[in-house]
Each structure stands twice: as structure tokens, then as C-alpha cells.
Amino acid sequence: MGKAIDEDTVHRPELLCQMVGKNFIIDEEVIVKLVLDKNGLFKNASRDKILLLNKANDEIKICKAKRIRRILKDKHFNNVAIADIKEKKFY
């Protein structure tokens, strides 16, 4: 989050740019679009879809992750886990 959509931060950035537009910084809205787009994160997923937002290791990241979870819940995507796996913390 907070980084540009480019080869250094995203695998196949051209595909993400097709979904969200060019010259974007990765933020909560970009993550939501990536999750909900038919060609996005869960393309061809046939079973339950669960999103894990990891590295929630400070208050700002936790707040951003909770915002993503809230937006997705409003759009009927309810399976979002927020964690700092390294520290074994879940929110």
C-alpha cells in the first residue's frame, strides 16, 4: 500500500492497470477493485474466497485493512482476515 503500480511492486502491473487505470498508487480502493474484479485476485476461483491482509503491524496499516474489510463487506464479500502473521496477531 502506498506504492506505485509498477514492476517493482506488482506482478504483471499491466493487468492491474487495466482494472484500476494507470498512474495509480496502491491504496484501499485499488485493493477492493482487485478483489472484486472478475479478472482480479480470485479469477477462476471455484471455492470459497478468503482474503488475508497480512503485515498489519501498526495502527495505520490496521486502520487501512479494516477499511478494506468494511468496503468489501458492504459489497457482500465477507471473508477478510487481517493479521500480522509474523507476530501471530489477528484482528
C-alpha atoms as a PDB file:
ATOM      1  CA  MET A   1       0.000   0.000   0.000  1.00  0.00           C
ATOM      2  CA  GLY A   2       1.163   3.490  -0.769  1.00  0.00           C
ATOM      3  CA  LYS A   3       3.425   2.361  -3.601  1.00  0.00           C
ATOM      4  CA  ALA A   4       3.155   2.888  -7.340  1.00  0.00           C
ATOM      5  CA  ILE A   5       1.789   0.196  -9.611  1.00  0.00           C
ATOM      6  CA  ASP A   6       4.965  -0.882 -11.389  1.00  0.00           C
ATOM      7  CA  GLU A   7       7.202  -3.901 -11.973  1.00  0.00           C
ATOM      8  CA  ASP A   8       8.894  -3.458  -8.593  1.00  0.00           C
ATOM      9  CA  THR A   9       5.698  -3.815  -6.560  1.00  0.00           C
ATOM     10  CA  VAL A  10       3.192  -5.742  -8.686  1.00  0.00           C
ATOM     11  CA  HIS A  11       3.396  -8.959 -10.688  1.00  0.00           C
ATOM     12  CA  ARG A  12       2.141  -8.115 -14.194  1.00  0.00           C
ATOM     13  CA  PRO A  13       1.310  -4.468 -13.479  1.00  0.00           C
ATOM     14  CA  GLU A  14      -0.243  -4.032 -16.920  1.00  0.00           C
ATOM     15  CA  LEU A  15      -3.125  -6.289 -15.879  1.00  0.00           C
ATOM     16  CA  LEU A  16      -3.743  -4.331 -12.685  1.00  0.00           C
ATOM     17  CA  CYS A  17      -3.657  -1.074 -14.650  1.00  0.00           C
ATOM     18  CA  GLN A  18      -6.366  -2.464 -16.939  1.00  0.00           C
ATOM     19  CA  MET A  19      -8.572  -2.919 -13.866  1.00  0.00           C
ATOM     20  CA  VAL A  20      -7.860   0.312 -11.993  1.00  0.00           C
ATOM     21  CA  GLY A  21      -6.312   2.667 -14.537  1.00  0.00           C
ATOM     22  CA  LYS A  22      -2.781   3.946 -14.979  1.00  0.00           C
ATOM     23  CA  ASN A  23      -0.682   6.119 -12.682  1.00  0.00           C
ATOM     24  CA  PHE A  24      -2.345   4.851  -9.538  1.00  0.00           C
ATOM     25  CA  ILE A  25      -0.835   4.429  -6.142  1.00  0.00           C
ATOM     26  CA  ILE A  26      -1.885   1.205  -4.448  1.00  0.00           C
ATOM     27  CA  ASP A  27      -4.475   2.153  -1.835  1.00  0.00           C
ATOM     28  CA  GLU A  28      -7.592   0.681  -0.269  1.00  0.00           C
ATOM     29  CA  GLU A  29      -9.720   1.293  -3.372  1.00  0.00           C
ATOM     30  CA  VAL A  30      -7.202  -0.452  -5.632  1.00  0.00           C
ATOM     31  CA  ILE A  31      -7.210  -3.499  -3.341  1.00  0.00           C
ATOM     32  CA  VAL A  32     -11.023  -3.572  -3.353  1.00  0.00           C
ATOM     33  CA  LYS A  33     -11.107  -3.405  -7.162  1.00  0.00           C
ATOM     34  CA  LEU A  34      -8.501  -6.164  -7.381  1.00  0.00           C
ATOM     35  CA  VAL A  35     -10.599  -8.402  -5.132  1.00  0.00           C
ATOM     36  CA  LEU A  36     -13.950  -7.744  -6.812  1.00  0.00           C
ATOM     37  CA  ASP A  37     -12.972  -7.595 -10.486  1.00  0.00           C
ATOM     38  CA  LYS A  38     -13.931 -10.724 -12.453  1.00  0.00           C
ATOM     39  CA  ASN A  39     -10.347 -10.853 -13.771  1.00  0.00           C
ATOM     40  CA  GLY A  40      -8.810  -9.925 -10.438  1.00  0.00           C
ATOM     41  CA  LEU A  41      -7.344 -11.748  -7.495  1.00  0.00           C
ATOM     42  CA  PHE A  42      -9.941 -14.519  -7.435  1.00  0.00           C
ATOM     43  CA  LYS A  43     -10.196 -15.114 -11.189  1.00  0.00           C
ATOM     44  CA  ASN A  44     -11.153 -18.746 -11.794  1.00  0.00           C
ATOM     45  CA  ALA A  45     -11.517 -19.438  -8.057  1.00  0.00           C
ATOM     46  CA  SER A  46     -14.113 -22.156  -7.720  1.00  0.00           C
ATOM     47  CA  ARG A  47     -14.366 -22.494  -3.944  1.00  0.00           C
ATOM     48  CA  ASP A  48     -14.679 -20.125  -1.010  1.00  0.00           C
ATOM     49  CA  LYS A  49     -12.723 -16.929  -1.408  1.00  0.00           C
ATOM     50  CA  ILE A  50     -10.774 -15.681   1.619  1.00  0.00           C
ATOM     51  CA  LEU A  51      -8.647 -12.543   1.550  1.00  0.00           C
ATOM     52  CA  LEU A  52      -5.759 -12.320   4.026  1.00  0.00           C
ATOM     53  CA  LEU A  53      -4.419  -8.817   4.609  1.00  0.00           C
ATOM     54  CA  ASN A  54      -1.063  -9.539   6.240  1.00  0.00           C
ATOM     55  CA  LYS A  55       1.622  -7.273   7.714  1.00  0.00           C
ATOM     56  CA  ALA A  56      -0.912  -5.263   9.718  1.00  0.00           C
ATOM     57  CA  ASN A  57       1.836  -4.303  12.149  1.00  0.00           C
ATOM     58  CA  ASP A  58       0.978  -0.716  13.072  1.00  0.00           C
ATOM     59  CA  GLU A  59      -2.161   1.340  13.692  1.00  0.00           C
ATOM     60  CA  ILE A  60      -2.172   2.936  10.235  1.00  0.00           C
ATOM     61  CA  LYS A  61      -1.953  -0.423   8.442  1.00  0.00           C
ATOM     62  CA  ILE A  62      -4.587  -1.928  10.740  1.00  0.00           C
ATOM     63  CA  CYS A  63      -6.951   1.001  10.040  1.00  0.00           C
ATOM     64  CA  LYS A  64      -6.419   0.681   6.283  1.00  0.00           C
ATOM     65  CA  ALA A  65      -7.030  -3.067   6.428  1.00  0.00           C
ATOM     66  CA  LYS A  66     -10.214  -2.541   8.452  1.00  0.00           C
ATOM     67  CA  ARG A  67     -11.393  -0.006   5.873  1.00  0.00           C
ATOM     68  CA  ILE A  68     -10.812  -2.544   3.089  1.00  0.00           C
ATOM     69  CA  ARG A  69     -12.720  -5.163   5.076  1.00  0.00           C
ATOM     70  CA  ARG A  70     -15.611  -2.733   5.676  1.00  0.00           C
ATOM     71  CA  ILE A  71     -15.844  -1.733   1.995  1.00  0.00           C
ATOM     72  CA  LEU A  72     -15.750  -5.365   0.878  1.00  0.00           C
ATOM     73  CA  LYS A  73     -18.392  -6.331   3.435  1.00  0.00           C
ATOM     74  CA  ASP A  74     -20.655  -3.586   2.061  1.00  0.00           C
ATOM     75  CA  LYS A  75     -20.188  -5.240  -1.347  1.00  0.00           C
ATOM     76  CA  HIS A  76     -21.071  -8.696   0.069  1.00  0.00           C
ATOM     77  CA  PHE A  77     -17.522 -10.040   0.280  1.00  0.00           C
ATOM     78  CA  ASN A  78     -17.309 -11.143   3.909  1.00  0.00           C
ATOM     79  CA  ASN A  79     -14.244 -13.376   4.125  1.00  0.00           C
ATOM     80  CA  VAL A  80     -11.458 -10.962   5.047  1.00  0.00           C
ATOM     81  CA  ALA A  81      -8.829 -11.737   7.676  1.00  0.00           C
ATOM     82  CA  ILE A  82      -6.434  -9.103   8.990  1.00  0.00           C
ATOM     83  CA  ALA A  83      -3.189 -10.292  10.543  1.00  0.00           C
ATOM     84  CA  ASP A  84       0.411  -9.800  11.431  1.00  0.00           C
ATOM     85  CA  ILE A  85       1.414 -13.418  10.875  1.00  0.00           C
ATOM     86  CA  LYS A  86       4.991 -12.847  11.989  1.00  0.00           C
ATOM     87  CA  GLU A  87       3.774 -11.665  15.406  1.00  0.00           C
ATOM     88  CA  LYS A  88       0.858 -14.149  15.445  1.00  0.00           C
ATOM     89  CA  LYS A  89      -1.732 -11.369  15.756  1.00  0.00           C
ATOM     90  CA  PHE A  90      -5.151 -11.368  14.133  1.00  0.00           C
ATOM     91  CA  TYR A  91      -7.660  -8.507  14.014  1.00  0.00           C
END
